[in-house]
C-alpha atoms as a PDB file:
ATOM      1  CA  MET A   1       0.000   0.000   0.000  1.00  0.00           C
ATOM      2  CA  ASP A   2       1.182   3.510  -0.815  1.00  0.00           C
ATOM      3  CA  THR A   3       2.406   5.433   2.241  1.00  0.00           C
ATOM      4  CA  PHE A   4      -0.058   8.262   1.660  1.00  0.00           C
ATOM      5  CA  ASP A   5      -2.922   5.767   1.485  1.00  0.00           C
ATOM      6  CA  ALA A   6      -1.759   4.018   4.653  1.00  0.00           C
ATOM      7  CA  ILE A   7      -1.784   7.341   6.509  1.00  0.00           C
ATOM      8  CA  LYS A   8      -5.255   8.216   5.229  1.00  0.00           C
ATOM      9  CA  GLU A   9      -6.735   4.764   5.865  1.00  0.00           C
ATOM     10  CA  ARG A  10      -5.171   4.079   9.256  1.00  0.00           C
ATOM     11  CA  ARG A  11      -7.864   4.215  11.907  1.00  0.00           C
ATOM     12  CA  SER A  12      -8.226   2.981  15.470  1.00  0.00           C
ATOM     13  CA  VAL A  13     -10.069  -0.327  15.155  1.00  0.00           C
ATOM     14  CA  LYS A  14     -11.398  -1.997  18.284  1.00  0.00           C
ATOM     15  CA  HIS A  15     -13.142  -5.070  16.847  1.00  0.00           C
ATOM     16  CA  CYS A  16     -10.790  -7.826  15.712  1.00  0.00           C
ATOM     17  CA  ASP A  17     -11.112 -11.394  14.478  1.00  0.00           C
ATOM     18  CA  ALA A  18     -10.187 -13.417  17.561  1.00  0.00           C
ATOM     19  CA  ASN A  19      -9.398 -16.463  15.432  1.00  0.00           C
ATOM     20  CA  HIS A  20      -6.858 -14.773  13.206  1.00  0.00           C
ATOM     21  CA  ARG A  21      -3.174 -15.306  13.958  1.00  0.00           C
ATOM     22  CA  PHE A  22      -0.033 -13.711  12.592  1.00  0.00           C
ATOM     23  CA  THR A  23       2.762 -15.930  11.373  1.00  0.00           C
ATOM     24  CA  ASP A  24       6.180 -15.556  12.957  1.00  0.00           C
ATOM     25  CA  ASP A  25       7.420 -14.125   9.655  1.00  0.00           C
ATOM     26  CA  GLN A  26       4.722 -11.437   9.730  1.00  0.00           C
ATOM     27  CA  ILE A  27       5.589 -10.509  13.320  1.00  0.00           C
ATOM     28  CA  ASN A  28       9.287 -10.372  12.477  1.00  0.00           C
ATOM     29  CA  GLN A  29       8.553  -8.209   9.451  1.00  0.00           C
ATOM     30  CA  LEU A  30       6.492  -5.787  11.523  1.00  0.00           C
ATOM     31  CA  MET A  31       9.016  -5.522  14.330  1.00  0.00           C
ATOM     32  CA  SER A  32      11.954  -5.245  11.930  1.00  0.00           C
ATOM     33  CA  LEU A  33      10.271  -2.138  10.527  1.00  0.00           C
ATOM     34  CA  ALA A  34       9.458  -0.795  14.000  1.00  0.00           C
ATOM     35  CA  VAL A  35      13.108  -0.794  15.034  1.00  0.00           C
ATOM     36  CA  LEU A  36      14.025   1.365  12.049  1.00  0.00           C
ATOM     37  CA  SER A  37      12.237   4.236  13.806  1.00  0.00           C
ATOM     38  CA  PRO A  38      14.527   7.131  14.736  1.00  0.00           C
ATOM     39  CA  THR A  39      15.676   7.794  18.285  1.00  0.00           C
ATOM     40  CA  SER A  40      17.821  10.513  19.805  1.00  0.00           C
ATOM     41  CA  PHE A  41      21.516   9.567  19.725  1.00  0.00           C
ATOM     42  CA  ASN A  42      20.352   6.320  18.069  1.00  0.00           C
ATOM     43  CA  MET A  43      19.852   4.957  21.593  1.00  0.00           C
ATOM     44  CA  GLN A  44      16.937   2.727  20.543  1.00  0.00           C
ATOM     45  CA  ASN A  45      15.309   3.114  23.947  1.00  0.00           C
ATOM     46  CA  TRP A  46      12.022   1.458  22.995  1.00  0.00           C
ATOM     47  CA  ARG A  47      11.247  -2.047  24.251  1.00  0.00           C
ATOM     48  CA  PHE A  48       8.375  -4.108  22.845  1.00  0.00           C
ATOM     49  CA  VAL A  49       6.644  -6.872  24.784  1.00  0.00           C
ATOM     50  CA  LEU A  50       4.788  -9.166  22.376  1.00  0.00           C
ATOM     51  CA  VAL A  51       2.025 -10.691  24.473  1.00  0.00           C
ATOM     52  CA  LYS A  52       0.929 -14.006  22.977  1.00  0.00           C
ATOM     53  CA  ASP A  53      -0.016 -16.053  26.039  1.00  0.00           C
ATOM     54  CA  SER A  54      -3.819 -16.104  26.354  1.00  0.00           C
ATOM     55  CA  GLU A  55      -3.809 -16.061  30.152  1.00  0.00           C
ATOM     56  CA  ILE A  56      -1.525 -13.030  30.279  1.00  0.00           C
ATOM     57  CA  ARG A  57      -3.749 -11.350  27.702  1.00  0.00           C
ATOM     58  CA  LYS A  58      -6.759 -11.943  29.963  1.00  0.00           C
ATOM     59  CA  GLN A  59      -4.931 -10.389  32.902  1.00  0.00           C
ATOM     60  CA  ILE A  60      -4.020  -7.324  30.844  1.00  0.00           C
ATOM     61  CA  ARG A  61      -7.604  -7.084  29.574  1.00  0.00           C
ATOM     62  CA  ALA A  62      -8.820  -6.993  33.178  1.00  0.00           C
ATOM     63  CA  ALA A  63      -6.394  -4.121  33.801  1.00  0.00           C
ATOM     64  CA  ALA A  64      -7.546  -2.355  30.608  1.00  0.00           C
ATOM     65  CA  TRP A  65     -11.212  -1.700  31.338  1.00  0.00           C
ATOM     66  CA  ASP A  66     -12.143  -5.101  29.836  1.00  0.00           C
ATOM     67  CA  GLN A  67     -11.523  -3.855  26.308  1.00  0.00           C
ATOM     68  CA  GLY A  68     -12.035  -6.740  23.901  1.00  0.00           C
ATOM     69  CA  GLN A  69      -9.239  -5.922  21.480  1.00  0.00           C
ATOM     70  CA  VAL A  70      -6.700  -6.789  24.175  1.00  0.00           C
ATOM     71  CA  THR A  71      -7.548 -10.476  23.881  1.00  0.00           C
ATOM     72  CA  ASP A  72      -9.061 -10.565  20.382  1.00  0.00           C
ATOM     73  CA  ALA A  73      -6.338  -8.829  18.373  1.00  0.00           C
ATOM     74  CA  SER A  74      -3.824 -11.000  16.547  1.00  0.00           C
ATOM     75  CA  LEU A  75      -0.976  -9.169  18.254  1.00  0.00           C
ATOM     76  CA  LEU A  76      -0.785  -7.191  21.469  1.00  0.00           C
ATOM     77  CA  LEU A  77       2.246  -4.985  21.986  1.00  0.00           C
ATOM     78  CA  VAL A  78       3.141  -3.344  25.251  1.00  0.00           C
ATOM     79  CA  VAL A  79       5.316  -0.462  24.128  1.00  0.00           C
ATOM     80  CA  CYS A  80       7.848   0.353  26.823  1.00  0.00           C
ATOM     81  CA  ALA A  81      11.008   2.398  27.132  1.00  0.00           C
ATOM     82  CA  ASP A  82      14.274   2.042  29.004  1.00  0.00           C
ATOM     83  CA  LEU A  83      14.808   5.409  30.668  1.00  0.00           C
ATOM     84  CA  LYS A  84      18.497   4.656  31.161  1.00  0.00           C
ATOM     85  CA  ALA A  85      19.323   3.390  27.671  1.00  0.00           C
ATOM     86  CA  TRP A  86      21.563   6.429  27.245  1.00  0.00           C
ATOM     87  CA  GLU A  87      23.990   5.136  29.901  1.00  0.00           C
ATOM     88  CA  ASN A  88      23.876   1.441  28.942  1.00  0.00           C
ATOM     89  CA  ASP A  89      27.097   0.971  26.963  1.00  0.00           C
ATOM     90  CA  PRO A  90      26.493   3.944  24.646  1.00  0.00           C
ATOM     91  CA  ALA A  91      29.241   2.796  22.291  1.00  0.00           C
ATOM     92  CA  GLN A  92      26.999  -0.076  21.140  1.00  0.00           C
ATOM     93  CA  TYR A  93      24.713   2.369  19.343  1.00  0.00           C
ATOM     94  CA  TRP A  94      27.495   3.611  17.085  1.00  0.00           C
ATOM     95  CA  VAL A  95      29.548   0.489  16.284  1.00  0.00           C
ATOM     96  CA  ASN A  96      29.114   1.013  12.528  1.00  0.00           C
ATOM     97  CA  ALA A  97      29.696   4.766  12.510  1.00  0.00           C
ATOM     98  CA  PRO A  98      32.955   6.407  11.400  1.00  0.00           C
ATOM     99  CA  LYS A  99      35.444   6.825  14.228  1.00  0.00           C
ATOM    100  CA  GLU A 100      35.141  10.611  14.218  1.00  0.00           C
ATOM    101  CA  SER A 101      31.385  10.288  14.737  1.00  0.00           C
ATOM    102  CA  GLN A 102      31.869   7.765  17.537  1.00  0.00           C
ATOM    103  CA  ASP A 103      34.395  10.015  19.238  1.00  0.00           C
ATOM    104  CA  PHE A 104      31.915  12.900  19.230  1.00  0.00           C
ATOM    105  CA  LEU A 105      28.561  11.172  19.915  1.00  0.00           C
ATOM    106  CA  VAL A 106      29.390   8.473  22.449  1.00  0.00           C
ATOM    107  CA  PRO A 107      30.828  10.762  25.159  1.00  0.00           C
ATOM    108  CA  ALA A 108      28.104  13.357  24.509  1.00  0.00           C
ATOM    109  CA  MET A 109      25.213  11.114  25.565  1.00  0.00           C
ATOM    110  CA  GLY A 110      25.937  11.041  29.277  1.00  0.00           C
ATOM    111  CA  PRO A 111      26.229  14.811  29.854  1.00  0.00           C
ATOM    112  CA  PHE A 112      23.135  15.394  27.717  1.00  0.00           C
ATOM    113  CA  TYR A 113      20.823  13.172  29.816  1.00  0.00           C
ATOM    114  CA  GLU A 114      22.446  12.681  33.218  1.00  0.00           C
ATOM    115  CA  GLY A 115      20.409  14.104  36.089  1.00  0.00           C
ATOM    116  CA  LYS A 116      17.588  15.185  33.755  1.00  0.00           C
ATOM    117  CA  ASP A 117      14.713  12.878  34.656  1.00  0.00           C
ATOM    118  CA  GLU A 118      12.121  14.923  32.787  1.00  0.00           C
ATOM    119  CA  LEU A 119      14.190  14.901  29.606  1.00  0.00           C
ATOM    120  CA  GLN A 120      14.742  11.149  29.905  1.00  0.00           C
ATOM    121  CA  ARG A 121      10.982  10.596  30.167  1.00  0.00           C
ATOM    122  CA  ASP A 122      10.252  13.019  27.344  1.00  0.00           C
ATOM    123  CA  GLU A 123      12.756  11.166  25.176  1.00  0.00           C
ATOM    124  CA  ALA A 124      11.066   7.869  25.987  1.00  0.00           C
ATOM    125  CA  MET A 125       7.678   9.220  24.963  1.00  0.00           C
ATOM    126  CA  ARG A 126       9.068  10.713  21.756  1.00  0.00           C
ATOM    127  CA  SER A 127      10.828   7.524  20.748  1.00  0.00           C
ATOM    128  CA  CYS A 128       7.878   5.257  21.532  1.00  0.00           C
ATOM    129  CA  GLY A 129       5.404   7.582  19.830  1.00  0.00           C
ATOM    130  CA  ILE A 130       7.412   7.503  16.613  1.00  0.00           C
ATOM    131  CA  ALA A 131       7.848   3.729  16.817  1.00  0.00           C
ATOM    132  CA  ALA A 132       4.141   3.222  17.512  1.00  0.00           C
ATOM    133  CA  GLN A 133       3.210   5.164  14.393  1.00  0.00           C
ATOM    134  CA  THR A 134       5.693   3.084  12.408  1.00  0.00           C
ATOM    135  CA  VAL A 135       4.023  -0.097  13.705  1.00  0.00           C
ATOM    136  CA  MET A 136       0.532   1.143  12.855  1.00  0.00           C
ATOM    137  CA  LEU A 137       1.403   2.335   9.353  1.00  0.00           C
ATOM    138  CA  ALA A 138       3.361  -0.838   8.635  1.00  0.00           C
ATOM    139  CA  ALA A 139       0.426  -2.932   9.862  1.00  0.00           C
ATOM    140  CA  LYS A 140      -1.944  -0.985   7.611  1.00  0.00           C
ATOM    141  CA  SER A 141       0.387  -1.519   4.663  1.00  0.00           C
ATOM    142  CA  MET A 142       0.253  -5.259   5.425  1.00  0.00           C
ATOM    143  CA  GLY A 143      -3.539  -5.160   5.329  1.00  0.00           C
ATOM    144  CA  TYR A 144      -4.198  -5.022   9.070  1.00  0.00           C
ATOM    145  CA  ASP A 145      -5.621  -2.506  11.493  1.00  0.00           C
ATOM    146  CA  SER A 146      -4.502  -1.311  14.880  1.00  0.00           C
ATOM    147  CA  ASN A 147      -5.533   0.494  18.017  1.00  0.00           C
ATOM    148  CA  PRO A 148      -3.134   2.509  20.213  1.00  0.00           C
ATOM    149  CA  MET A 149      -4.353   2.344  23.788  1.00  0.00           C
ATOM    150  CA  ILE A 150      -3.843   4.351  26.965  1.00  0.00           C
ATOM    151  CA  GLY A 151      -6.939   2.996  28.715  1.00  0.00           C
ATOM    152  CA  PHE A 152      -5.250   0.681  31.200  1.00  0.00           C
ATOM    153  CA  ASP A 153      -3.765   0.631  34.679  1.00  0.00           C
ATOM    154  CA  PRO A 154      -0.014   1.012  34.073  1.00  0.00           C
ATOM    155  CA  LYS A 155       0.948  -0.273  37.513  1.00  0.00           C
ATOM    156  CA  LYS A 156      -1.031  -3.481  37.089  1.00  0.00           C
ATOM    157  CA  VAL A 157       0.217  -4.043  33.545  1.00  0.00           C
ATOM    158  CA  ALA A 158       3.774  -3.390  34.741  1.00  0.00           C
ATOM    159  CA  GLU A 159       3.356  -6.128  37.337  1.00  0.00           C
ATOM    160  CA  ILE A 160       1.891  -8.538  34.794  1.00  0.00           C
ATOM    161  CA  ILE A 161       4.718  -8.132  32.278  1.00  0.00           C
ATOM    162  CA  ARG A 162       7.407  -7.869  34.988  1.00  0.00           C
ATOM    163  CA  LEU A 163       8.504  -4.438  33.822  1.00  0.00           C
ATOM    164  CA  PRO A 164      12.172  -3.907  34.760  1.00  0.00           C
ATOM    165  CA  LYS A 165      13.336  -1.085  36.969  1.00  0.00           C
ATOM    166  CA  GLU A 166      13.975   2.216  35.165  1.00  0.00           C
ATOM    167  CA  HIS A 167      11.476   1.271  32.432  1.00  0.00           C
ATOM    168  CA  ILE A 168       8.076   2.790  31.729  1.00  0.00           C
ATOM    169  CA  ILE A 169       5.055   1.705  29.717  1.00  0.00           C
ATOM    170  CA  THR A 170       4.000   4.271  27.119  1.00  0.00           C
ATOM    171  CA  MET A 171       1.015   2.536  25.478  1.00  0.00           C
ATOM    172  CA  LEU A 172      -0.501  -0.700  24.264  1.00  0.00           C
ATOM    173  CA  ILE A 173      -1.047  -1.407  20.575  1.00  0.00           C
ATOM    174  CA  ALA A 174      -3.527  -4.025  19.422  1.00  0.00           C
ATOM    175  CA  VAL A 175      -3.009  -5.176  15.831  1.00  0.00           C
ATOM    176  CA  GLY A 176      -5.356  -7.470  13.970  1.00  0.00           C
ATOM    177  CA  LYS A 177      -7.881  -8.222  11.274  1.00  0.00           C
ATOM    178  CA  ARG A 178     -10.885  -6.005  11.793  1.00  0.00           C
ATOM    179  CA  THR A 179     -14.410  -7.381  11.915  1.00  0.00           C
ATOM    180  CA  LYS A 180     -16.178  -4.012  12.010  1.00  0.00           C
ATOM    181  CA  PRO A 181     -15.269  -0.752  10.305  1.00  0.00           C
ATOM    182  CA  ALA A 182     -13.875   2.089  12.346  1.00  0.00           C
ATOM    183  CA  MET A 183     -16.182   4.853  13.463  1.00  0.00           C
ATOM    184  CA  PRO A 184     -16.392   7.826  11.101  1.00  0.00           C
ATOM    185  CA  ARG A 185     -13.714  10.400  11.827  1.00  0.00           C
ATOM    186  CA  GLY A 186     -14.836  12.610  14.654  1.00  0.00           C
ATOM    187  CA  GLY A 187     -13.724  15.762  12.868  1.00  0.00           C
ATOM    188  CA  GLN A 188     -10.378  17.197  11.884  1.00  0.00           C
ATOM    189  CA  LEU A 189      -9.428  20.737  12.809  1.00  0.00           C
ATOM    190  CA  PRO A 190      -8.721  22.934   9.775  1.00  0.00           C
ATOM    191  CA  LEU A 191      -5.067  23.499   8.965  1.00  0.00           C
ATOM    192  CA  ASP A 192      -5.252  27.192   9.850  1.00  0.00           C
ATOM    193  CA  LYS A 193      -5.954  26.219  13.466  1.00  0.00           C
ATOM    194  CA  VAL A 194      -2.940  23.944  13.832  1.00  0.00           C
ATOM    195  CA  VAL A 195      -0.352  25.091  11.283  1.00  0.00           C
ATOM    196  CA  PHE A 196       1.383  28.457  11.693  1.00  0.00           C
ATOM    197  CA  ARG A 197       3.986  30.264   9.609  1.00  0.00           C
ATOM    198  CA  ASP A 198       7.240  31.115  11.349  1.00  0.00           C
ATOM    199  CA  ARG A 199       5.634  31.760  14.763  1.00  0.00           C
ATOM    200  CA  PHE A 200       2.297  31.799  16.554  1.00  0.00           C
ATOM    201  CA  PRO A 201       0.060  34.757  15.724  1.00  0.00           C
ATOM    202  CA  GLN A 202       0.054  37.644  18.172  1.00  0.00           C
ATOM    203  CA  GLU A 203      -2.906  37.581  20.524  1.00  0.00           C
END
């Protein structure tokens, strides 16, 4: 599917065929595209938990307002981030870069993030947001639909998936074969309300 079409046709779909399953090759294809998403300093701070076990899915569904797509979707992703990826052997992120780039970027990561908890969290949300959109557009291009979700208890889901220390959950994404069309778009704001030239207009 053309990228423009995937963007236009991507919708949040909550009703999925519970009997449909992805092949391992399809999952690998989807995740191989997800990890091409950009991250600051190439730190690749996203972490994806692919929840396949039906009992774990049921537990997450109970912590997600009993939303059916949690158990019915072909794939459930818990999109997480490692807040301390920047200090975890930063040289590993630049092993294929020219030496002059390594010499500049690797030692710069620590001073940029150290002691800045808000920035670390912001970076996690940025990285996971970009990766989530990559997943959803890739899924649409493969002929599937998706639903990004924030309607869940993050503490309970963290317990269920055994979220490591210094990690956060940013969202869930359900991906599957839809059984009902998405609701009509609720309404898009006109461009002149969200796009400004050079700076915001003076009030």
